[in-house]
Amino acid sequence: PRRPVIFLFCFFSLFTILFADDWKTFY
């Protein structure tokens, strides 16, 4: 397995989840 590829995939997946939560409305 290519560790850098796996790391980048995990990093961007986590970033996407956190970013989406950051844009949730107060409601």
PDB file of all heavy atoms in Angstrom:
ATOM      1  N   PRO A   1       0.836  -1.206   0.000  1.00  0.00           N
ATOM      2  CA  PRO A   1       0.000   0.000   0.000  1.00  0.00           C
ATOM      3  C   PRO A   1       0.866   1.249   0.000  1.00  0.00           C
ATOM      4  O   PRO A   1       1.940   1.276   0.584  1.00  0.00           O
ATOM      5  CB  PRO A   1      -0.812  -0.102   1.298  1.00  0.00           C
ATOM      6  CG  PRO A   1      -0.089  -1.090   2.138  1.00  0.00           C
ATOM      7  CD  PRO A   1       0.725  -1.972   1.225  1.00  0.00           C
ATOM      8  N   ARG A   2       0.395   2.229  -0.656  1.00  0.00           N
ATOM      9  CA  ARG A   2       1.139   3.490  -0.738  1.00  0.00           C
ATOM     10  C   ARG A   2       0.657   4.410   0.369  1.00  0.00           C
ATOM     11  O   ARG A   2      -0.436   4.959   0.292  1.00  0.00           O
ATOM     12  CB  ARG A   2       0.946   4.108  -2.110  1.00  0.00           C
ATOM     13  CG  ARG A   2       1.474   3.214  -3.189  1.00  0.00           C
ATOM     14  CD  ARG A   2       1.270   3.830  -4.538  1.00  0.00           C
ATOM     15  NE  ARG A   2       1.686   2.888  -5.538  1.00  0.00           N
ATOM     16  CZ  ARG A   2       2.614   3.137  -6.433  1.00  0.00           C
ATOM     17  NH1 ARG A   2       3.205   4.301  -6.472  1.00  0.00           N
ATOM     18  NH2 ARG A   2       2.939   2.219  -7.305  1.00  0.00           N
ATOM     19  N   ARG A   3       1.485   4.561   1.329  1.00  0.00           N
ATOM     20  CA  ARG A   3       1.105   5.342   2.507  1.00  0.00           C
ATOM     21  C   ARG A   3       0.753   6.794   2.189  1.00  0.00           C
ATOM     22  O   ARG A   3      -0.214   7.313   2.719  1.00  0.00           O
ATOM     23  CB  ARG A   3       2.196   5.255   3.562  1.00  0.00           C
ATOM     24  CG  ARG A   3       2.216   3.905   4.225  1.00  0.00           C
ATOM     25  CD  ARG A   3       3.119   3.902   5.433  1.00  0.00           C
ATOM     26  NE  ARG A   3       3.096   2.574   6.008  1.00  0.00           N
ATOM     27  CZ  ARG A   3       4.154   1.889   6.323  1.00  0.00           C
ATOM     28  NH1 ARG A   3       5.353   2.404   6.143  1.00  0.00           N
ATOM     29  NH2 ARG A   3       4.042   0.701   6.832  1.00  0.00           N
ATOM     30  N   PRO A   4       1.525   7.482   1.357  1.00  0.00           N
ATOM     31  CA  PRO A   4       1.153   8.876   1.060  1.00  0.00           C
ATOM     32  C   PRO A   4      -0.232   8.987   0.430  1.00  0.00           C
ATOM     33  O   PRO A   4      -0.988   9.890   0.756  1.00  0.00           O
ATOM     34  CB  PRO A   4       2.245   9.347   0.095  1.00  0.00           C
ATOM     35  CG  PRO A   4       3.406   8.470   0.382  1.00  0.00           C
ATOM     36  CD  PRO A   4       2.813   7.128   0.754  1.00  0.00           C
ATOM     37  N   VAL A   5      -0.578   8.046  -0.438  1.00  0.00           N
ATOM     38  CA  VAL A   5      -1.897   8.092  -1.080  1.00  0.00           C
ATOM     39  C   VAL A   5      -2.991   7.852  -0.051  1.00  0.00           C
ATOM     40  O   VAL A   5      -3.999   8.559  -0.014  1.00  0.00           O
ATOM     41  CB  VAL A   5      -1.973   7.053  -2.228  1.00  0.00           C
ATOM     42  CG1 VAL A   5      -3.388   6.965  -2.762  1.00  0.00           C
ATOM     43  CG2 VAL A   5      -0.987   7.403  -3.321  1.00  0.00           C
ATOM     44  N   ILE A   6      -2.794   6.875   0.807  1.00  0.00           N
ATOM     45  CA  ILE A   6      -3.774   6.575   1.852  1.00  0.00           C
ATOM     46  C   ILE A   6      -3.900   7.763   2.795  1.00  0.00           C
ATOM     47  O   ILE A   6      -4.997   8.168   3.173  1.00  0.00           O
ATOM     48  CB  ILE A   6      -3.386   5.292   2.616  1.00  0.00           C
ATOM     49  CG1 ILE A   6      -3.501   4.087   1.675  1.00  0.00           C
ATOM     50  CG2 ILE A   6      -4.265   5.101   3.847  1.00  0.00           C
ATOM     51  CD1 ILE A   6      -2.921   2.811   2.235  1.00  0.00           C
ATOM     52  N   PHE A   7      -2.757   8.354   3.180  1.00  0.00           N
ATOM     53  CA  PHE A   7      -2.777   9.510   4.068  1.00  0.00           C
ATOM     54  C   PHE A   7      -3.564  10.664   3.442  1.00  0.00           C
ATOM     55  O   PHE A   7      -4.400  11.275   4.097  1.00  0.00           O
ATOM     56  CB  PHE A   7      -1.353   9.960   4.398  1.00  0.00           C
ATOM     57  CG  PHE A   7      -1.311  11.272   5.140  1.00  0.00           C
ATOM     58  CD1 PHE A   7      -1.605  11.332   6.487  1.00  0.00           C
ATOM     59  CD2 PHE A   7      -1.008  12.456   4.470  1.00  0.00           C
ATOM     60  CE1 PHE A   7      -1.581  12.533   7.161  1.00  0.00           C
ATOM     61  CE2 PHE A   7      -0.983  13.660   5.140  1.00  0.00           C
ATOM     62  CZ  PHE A   7      -1.271  13.699   6.494  1.00  0.00           C
ATOM     63  N   LEU A   8      -3.268  10.956   2.172  1.00  0.00           N
ATOM     64  CA  LEU A   8      -3.966  12.058   1.502  1.00  0.00           C
ATOM     65  C   LEU A   8      -5.453  11.788   1.403  1.00  0.00           C
ATOM     66  O   LEU A   8      -6.269  12.686   1.612  1.00  0.00           O
ATOM     67  CB  LEU A   8      -3.373  12.300   0.110  1.00  0.00           C
ATOM     68  CG  LEU A   8      -2.003  12.964   0.107  1.00  0.00           C
ATOM     69  CD1 LEU A   8      -1.454  13.022  -1.319  1.00  0.00           C
ATOM     70  CD2 LEU A   8      -2.077  14.358   0.695  1.00  0.00           C
ATOM     71  N   PHE A   9      -5.827  10.563   1.096  1.00  0.00           N
ATOM     72  CA  PHE A   9      -7.245  10.221   1.023  1.00  0.00           C
ATOM     73  C   PHE A   9      -7.916  10.461   2.370  1.00  0.00           C
ATOM     74  O   PHE A   9      -8.978  11.064   2.447  1.00  0.00           O
ATOM     75  CB  PHE A   9      -7.419   8.757   0.583  1.00  0.00           C
ATOM     76  CG  PHE A   9      -8.848   8.312   0.593  1.00  0.00           C
ATOM     77  CD1 PHE A   9      -9.710   8.697  -0.418  1.00  0.00           C
ATOM     78  CD2 PHE A   9      -9.345   7.534   1.631  1.00  0.00           C
ATOM     79  CE1 PHE A   9     -11.038   8.310  -0.410  1.00  0.00           C
ATOM     80  CE2 PHE A   9     -10.666   7.150   1.657  1.00  0.00           C
ATOM     81  CZ  PHE A   9     -11.516   7.535   0.629  1.00  0.00           C
ATOM     82  N   CYS A  10      -7.294   9.975   3.437  1.00  0.00           N
ATOM     83  CA  CYS A  10      -7.864  10.166   4.784  1.00  0.00           C
ATOM     84  C   CYS A  10      -7.930  11.641   5.157  1.00  0.00           C
ATOM     85  O   CYS A  10      -8.922  12.111   5.709  1.00  0.00           O
ATOM     86  CB  CYS A  10      -7.047   9.388   5.812  1.00  0.00           C
ATOM     87  SG  CYS A  10      -7.168   7.609   5.625  1.00  0.00           S
ATOM     88  N   PHE A  11      -6.858  12.377   4.848  1.00  0.00           N
ATOM     89  CA  PHE A  11      -6.821  13.802   5.166  1.00  0.00           C
ATOM     90  C   PHE A  11      -7.945  14.553   4.465  1.00  0.00           C
ATOM     91  O   PHE A  11      -8.678  15.320   5.083  1.00  0.00           O
ATOM     92  CB  PHE A  11      -5.465  14.401   4.779  1.00  0.00           C
ATOM     93  CG  PHE A  11      -5.403  15.889   4.947  1.00  0.00           C
ATOM     94  CD1 PHE A  11      -5.232  16.452   6.200  1.00  0.00           C
ATOM     95  CD2 PHE A  11      -5.542  16.735   3.855  1.00  0.00           C
ATOM     96  CE1 PHE A  11      -5.179  17.826   6.370  1.00  0.00           C
ATOM     97  CE2 PHE A  11      -5.496  18.113   4.011  1.00  0.00           C
ATOM     98  CZ  PHE A  11      -5.312  18.652   5.273  1.00  0.00           C
ATOM     99  N   PHE A  12      -8.103  14.332   3.158  1.00  0.00           N
ATOM    100  CA  PHE A  12      -9.143  15.055   2.416  1.00  0.00           C
ATOM    101  C   PHE A  12     -10.538  14.605   2.799  1.00  0.00           C
ATOM    102  O   PHE A  12     -11.478  15.397   2.796  1.00  0.00           O
ATOM    103  CB  PHE A  12      -8.911  14.949   0.907  1.00  0.00           C
ATOM    104  CG  PHE A  12      -7.778  15.812   0.436  1.00  0.00           C
ATOM    105  CD1 PHE A  12      -6.619  15.249  -0.066  1.00  0.00           C
ATOM    106  CD2 PHE A  12      -7.854  17.186   0.521  1.00  0.00           C
ATOM    107  CE1 PHE A  12      -5.561  16.038  -0.475  1.00  0.00           C
ATOM    108  CE2 PHE A  12      -6.806  17.999   0.120  1.00  0.00           C
ATOM    109  CZ  PHE A  12      -5.655  17.418  -0.385  1.00  0.00           C
ATOM    110  N   SER A  13     -10.700  13.346   3.157  1.00  0.00           N
ATOM    111  CA  SER A  13     -12.001  12.867   3.630  1.00  0.00           C
ATOM    112  C   SER A  13     -12.370  13.565   4.933  1.00  0.00           C
ATOM    113  O   SER A  13     -13.496  14.040   5.104  1.00  0.00           O
ATOM    114  CB  SER A  13     -11.983  11.357   3.831  1.00  0.00           C
ATOM    115  OG  SER A  13     -11.781  10.707   2.612  1.00  0.00           O
ATOM    116  N   LEU A  14     -11.420  13.638   5.853  1.00  0.00           N
ATOM    117  CA  LEU A  14     -11.660  14.312   7.129  1.00  0.00           C
ATOM    118  C   LEU A  14     -11.907  15.797   6.911  1.00  0.00           C
ATOM    119  O   LEU A  14     -12.820  16.377   7.502  1.00  0.00           O
ATOM    120  CB  LEU A  14     -10.473  14.101   8.072  1.00  0.00           C
ATOM    121  CG  LEU A  14     -10.578  14.757   9.452  1.00  0.00           C
ATOM    122  CD1 LEU A  14     -11.773  14.189  10.210  1.00  0.00           C
ATOM    123  CD2 LEU A  14      -9.298  14.536  10.230  1.00  0.00           C
ATOM    124  N   PHE A  15     -11.107  16.421   6.047  1.00  0.00           N
ATOM    125  CA  PHE A  15     -11.285  17.843   5.744  1.00  0.00           C
ATOM    126  C   PHE A  15     -12.681  18.106   5.195  1.00  0.00           C
ATOM    127  O   PHE A  15     -13.345  19.059   5.591  1.00  0.00           O
ATOM    128  CB  PHE A  15     -10.224  18.307   4.745  1.00  0.00           C
ATOM    129  CG  PHE A  15     -10.351  19.747   4.368  1.00  0.00           C
ATOM    130  CD1 PHE A  15      -9.907  20.743   5.222  1.00  0.00           C
ATOM    131  CD2 PHE A  15     -10.941  20.112   3.164  1.00  0.00           C
ATOM    132  CE1 PHE A  15     -10.032  22.080   4.879  1.00  0.00           C
ATOM    133  CE2 PHE A  15     -11.075  21.445   2.819  1.00  0.00           C
ATOM    134  CZ  PHE A  15     -10.613  22.432   3.676  1.00  0.00           C
ATOM    135  N   THR A  16     -13.151  17.242   4.300  1.00  0.00           N
ATOM    136  CA  THR A  16     -14.483  17.408   3.706  1.00  0.00           C
ATOM    137  C   THR A  16     -15.566  17.311   4.765  1.00  0.00           C
ATOM    138  O   THR A  16     -16.501  18.103   4.788  1.00  0.00           O
ATOM    139  CB  THR A  16     -14.709  16.345   2.610  1.00  0.00           C
ATOM    140  OG1 THR A  16     -13.700  16.501   1.632  1.00  0.00           O
ATOM    141  CG2 THR A  16     -16.068  16.501   1.971  1.00  0.00           C
ATOM    142  N   ILE A  17     -15.442  16.354   5.663  1.00  0.00           N
ATOM    143  CA  ILE A  17     -16.436  16.188   6.728  1.00  0.00           C
ATOM    144  C   ILE A  17     -16.445  17.417   7.630  1.00  0.00           C
ATOM    145  O   ILE A  17     -17.506  17.960   7.955  1.00  0.00           O
ATOM    146  CB  ILE A  17     -16.149  14.912   7.538  1.00  0.00           C
ATOM    147  CG1 ILE A  17     -16.431  13.682   6.672  1.00  0.00           C
ATOM    148  CG2 ILE A  17     -16.975  14.872   8.817  1.00  0.00           C
ATOM    149  CD1 ILE A  17     -15.898  12.391   7.244  1.00  0.00           C
ATOM    150  N   LEU A  18     -15.261  17.864   8.047  1.00  0.00           N
ATOM    151  CA  LEU A  18     -15.187  19.035   8.927  1.00  0.00           C
ATOM    152  C   LEU A  18     -15.664  20.293   8.224  1.00  0.00           C
ATOM    153  O   LEU A  18     -16.346  21.125   8.805  1.00  0.00           O
ATOM    154  CB  LEU A  18     -13.755  19.223   9.435  1.00  0.00           C
ATOM    155  CG  LEU A  18     -13.236  18.147  10.367  1.00  0.00           C
ATOM    156  CD1 LEU A  18     -11.762  18.382  10.675  1.00  0.00           C
ATOM    157  CD2 LEU A  18     -14.062  18.070  11.635  1.00  0.00           C
ATOM    158  N   PHE A  19     -15.307  20.458   6.960  1.00  0.00           N
ATOM    159  CA  PHE A  19     -15.708  21.635   6.204  1.00  0.00           C
ATOM    160  C   PHE A  19     -17.218  21.687   6.051  1.00  0.00           C
ATOM    161  O   PHE A  19     -17.843  22.726   6.221  1.00  0.00           O
ATOM    162  CB  PHE A  19     -15.026  21.614   4.832  1.00  0.00           C
ATOM    163  CG  PHE A  19     -15.387  22.774   3.959  1.00  0.00           C
ATOM    164  CD1 PHE A  19     -14.861  24.025   4.202  1.00  0.00           C
ATOM    165  CD2 PHE A  19     -16.260  22.617   2.899  1.00  0.00           C
ATOM    166  CE1 PHE A  19     -15.182  25.103   3.403  1.00  0.00           C
ATOM    167  CE2 PHE A  19     -16.591  23.684   2.098  1.00  0.00           C
ATOM    168  CZ  PHE A  19     -16.046  24.928   2.353  1.00  0.00           C
ATOM    169  N   ALA A  20     -17.816  20.544   5.753  1.00  0.00           N
ATOM    170  CA  ALA A  20     -19.271  20.502   5.588  1.00  0.00           C
ATOM    171  C   ALA A  20     -19.962  20.889   6.891  1.00  0.00           C
ATOM    172  O   ALA A  20     -20.963  21.593   6.890  1.00  0.00           O
ATOM    173  CB  ALA A  20     -19.706  19.113   5.137  1.00  0.00           C
ATOM    174  N   ASP A  21     -19.427  20.414   8.020  1.00  0.00           N
ATOM    175  CA  ASP A  21     -20.019  20.740   9.305  1.00  0.00           C
ATOM    176  C   ASP A  21     -19.872  22.226   9.598  1.00  0.00           C
ATOM    177  O   ASP A  21     -20.747  22.831  10.202  1.00  0.00           O
ATOM    178  CB  ASP A  21     -19.368  19.905  10.409  1.00  0.00           C
ATOM    179  CG  ASP A  21     -20.110  20.034  11.719  1.00  0.00           C
ATOM    180  OD1 ASP A  21     -21.333  19.820  11.724  1.00  0.00           O
ATOM    181  OD2 ASP A  21     -19.468  20.380  12.738  1.00  0.00           O
ATOM    182  N   ASP A  22     -18.771  22.817   9.170  1.00  0.00           N
ATOM    183  CA  ASP A  22     -18.535  24.239   9.399  1.00  0.00           C
ATOM    184  C   ASP A  22     -19.589  25.099   8.695  1.00  0.00           C
ATOM    185  O   ASP A  22     -19.856  26.210   9.113  1.00  0.00           O
ATOM    186  CB  ASP A  22     -17.135  24.609   8.905  1.00  0.00           C
ATOM    187  CG  ASP A  22     -16.747  26.016   9.292  1.00  0.00           C
ATOM    188  OD1 ASP A  22     -16.983  26.395  10.453  1.00  0.00           O
ATOM    189  OD2 ASP A  22     -16.222  26.741   8.429  1.00  0.00           O
ATOM    190  N   TRP A  23     -20.167  24.604   7.633  1.00  0.00           N
ATOM    191  CA  TRP A  23     -21.156  25.365   6.886  1.00  0.00           C
ATOM    192  C   TRP A  23     -22.594  24.994   7.228  1.00  0.00           C
ATOM    193  O   TRP A  23     -23.515  25.438   6.562  1.00  0.00           O
ATOM    194  CB  TRP A  23     -20.907  25.233   5.379  1.00  0.00           C
ATOM    195  CG  TRP A  23     -19.808  26.138   4.953  1.00  0.00           C
ATOM    196  CD1 TRP A  23     -18.525  25.807   4.668  1.00  0.00           C
ATOM    197  CD2 TRP A  23     -19.895  27.556   4.797  1.00  0.00           C
ATOM    198  NE1 TRP A  23     -17.806  26.926   4.343  1.00  0.00           N
ATOM    199  CE2 TRP A  23     -18.626  28.018   4.409  1.00  0.00           C
ATOM    200  CE3 TRP A  23     -20.930  28.484   4.952  1.00  0.00           C
ATOM    201  CZ2 TRP A  23     -18.353  29.357   4.167  1.00  0.00           C
ATOM    202  CZ3 TRP A  23     -20.660  29.823   4.712  1.00  0.00           C
ATOM    203  CH2 TRP A  23     -19.394  30.249   4.323  1.00  0.00           C
ATOM    204  N   LYS A  24     -22.787  24.205   8.269  1.00  0.00           N
ATOM    205  CA  LYS A  24     -24.156  23.950   8.707  1.00  0.00           C
ATOM    206  C   LYS A  24     -24.723  25.249   9.277  1.00  0.00           C
ATOM    207  O   LYS A  24     -24.015  26.007   9.949  1.00  0.00           O
ATOM    208  CB  LYS A  24     -24.202  22.872   9.788  1.00  0.00           C
ATOM    209  CG  LYS A  24     -24.089  21.473   9.257  1.00  0.00           C
ATOM    210  CD  LYS A  24     -24.307  20.470  10.370  1.00  0.00           C
ATOM    211  CE  LYS A  24     -24.310  19.074   9.830  1.00  0.00           C
ATOM    212  NZ  LYS A  24     -24.539  18.091  10.902  1.00  0.00           N
ATOM    213  N   THR A  25     -25.990  25.477   9.020  1.00  0.00           N
ATOM    214  CA  THR A  25     -26.623  26.662   9.596  1.00  0.00           C
ATOM    215  C   THR A  25     -26.850  26.434  11.092  1.00  0.00           C
ATOM    216  O   THR A  25     -26.812  25.301  11.571  1.00  0.00           O
ATOM    217  CB  THR A  25     -27.980  26.940   8.916  1.00  0.00           C
ATOM    218  OG1 THR A  25     -28.870  25.857   9.198  1.00  0.00           O
ATOM    219  CG2 THR A  25     -27.822  27.132   7.415  1.00  0.00           C
ATOM    220  N   PHE A  26     -27.094  27.495  11.799  1.00  0.00           N
ATOM    221  CA  PHE A  26     -27.398  27.398  13.229  1.00  0.00           C
ATOM    222  C   PHE A  26     -28.579  26.461  13.440  1.00  0.00           C
ATOM    223  O   PHE A  26     -28.582  25.639  14.355  1.00  0.00           O
ATOM    224  CB  PHE A  26     -27.706  28.795  13.782  1.00  0.00           C
ATOM    225  CG  PHE A  26     -27.945  28.828  15.260  1.00  0.00           C
ATOM    226  CD1 PHE A  26     -26.902  29.084  16.132  1.00  0.00           C
ATOM    227  CD2 PHE A  26     -29.210  28.609  15.774  1.00  0.00           C
ATOM    228  CE1 PHE A  26     -27.119  29.121  17.500  1.00  0.00           C
ATOM    229  CE2 PHE A  26     -29.440  28.636  17.138  1.00  0.00           C
ATOM    230  CZ  PHE A  26     -28.389  28.896  18.002  1.00  0.00           C
ATOM    231  N   TYR A  27     -29.576  26.586  12.588  1.00  0.00           N
ATOM    232  CA  TYR A  27     -30.778  25.759  12.670  1.00  0.00           C
ATOM    233  C   TYR A  27     -30.434  24.275  12.533  1.00  0.00           C
ATOM    234  O   TYR A  27     -30.924  23.446  13.295  1.00  0.00           O
ATOM    235  CB  TYR A  27     -31.760  26.208  11.578  1.00  0.00           C
ATOM    236  CG  TYR A  27     -33.071  25.498  11.553  1.00  0.00           C
ATOM    237  CD1 TYR A  27     -33.954  25.575  12.624  1.00  0.00           C
ATOM    238  CD2 TYR A  27     -33.454  24.761  10.436  1.00  0.00           C
ATOM    239  CE1 TYR A  27     -35.176  24.926  12.587  1.00  0.00           C
ATOM    240  CE2 TYR A  27     -34.681  24.117  10.390  1.00  0.00           C
ATOM    241  CZ  TYR A  27     -35.532  24.201  11.469  1.00  0.00           C
ATOM    242  OH  TYR A  27     -36.743  23.563  11.436  1.00  0.00           O
TER     243      TYR A  27
END
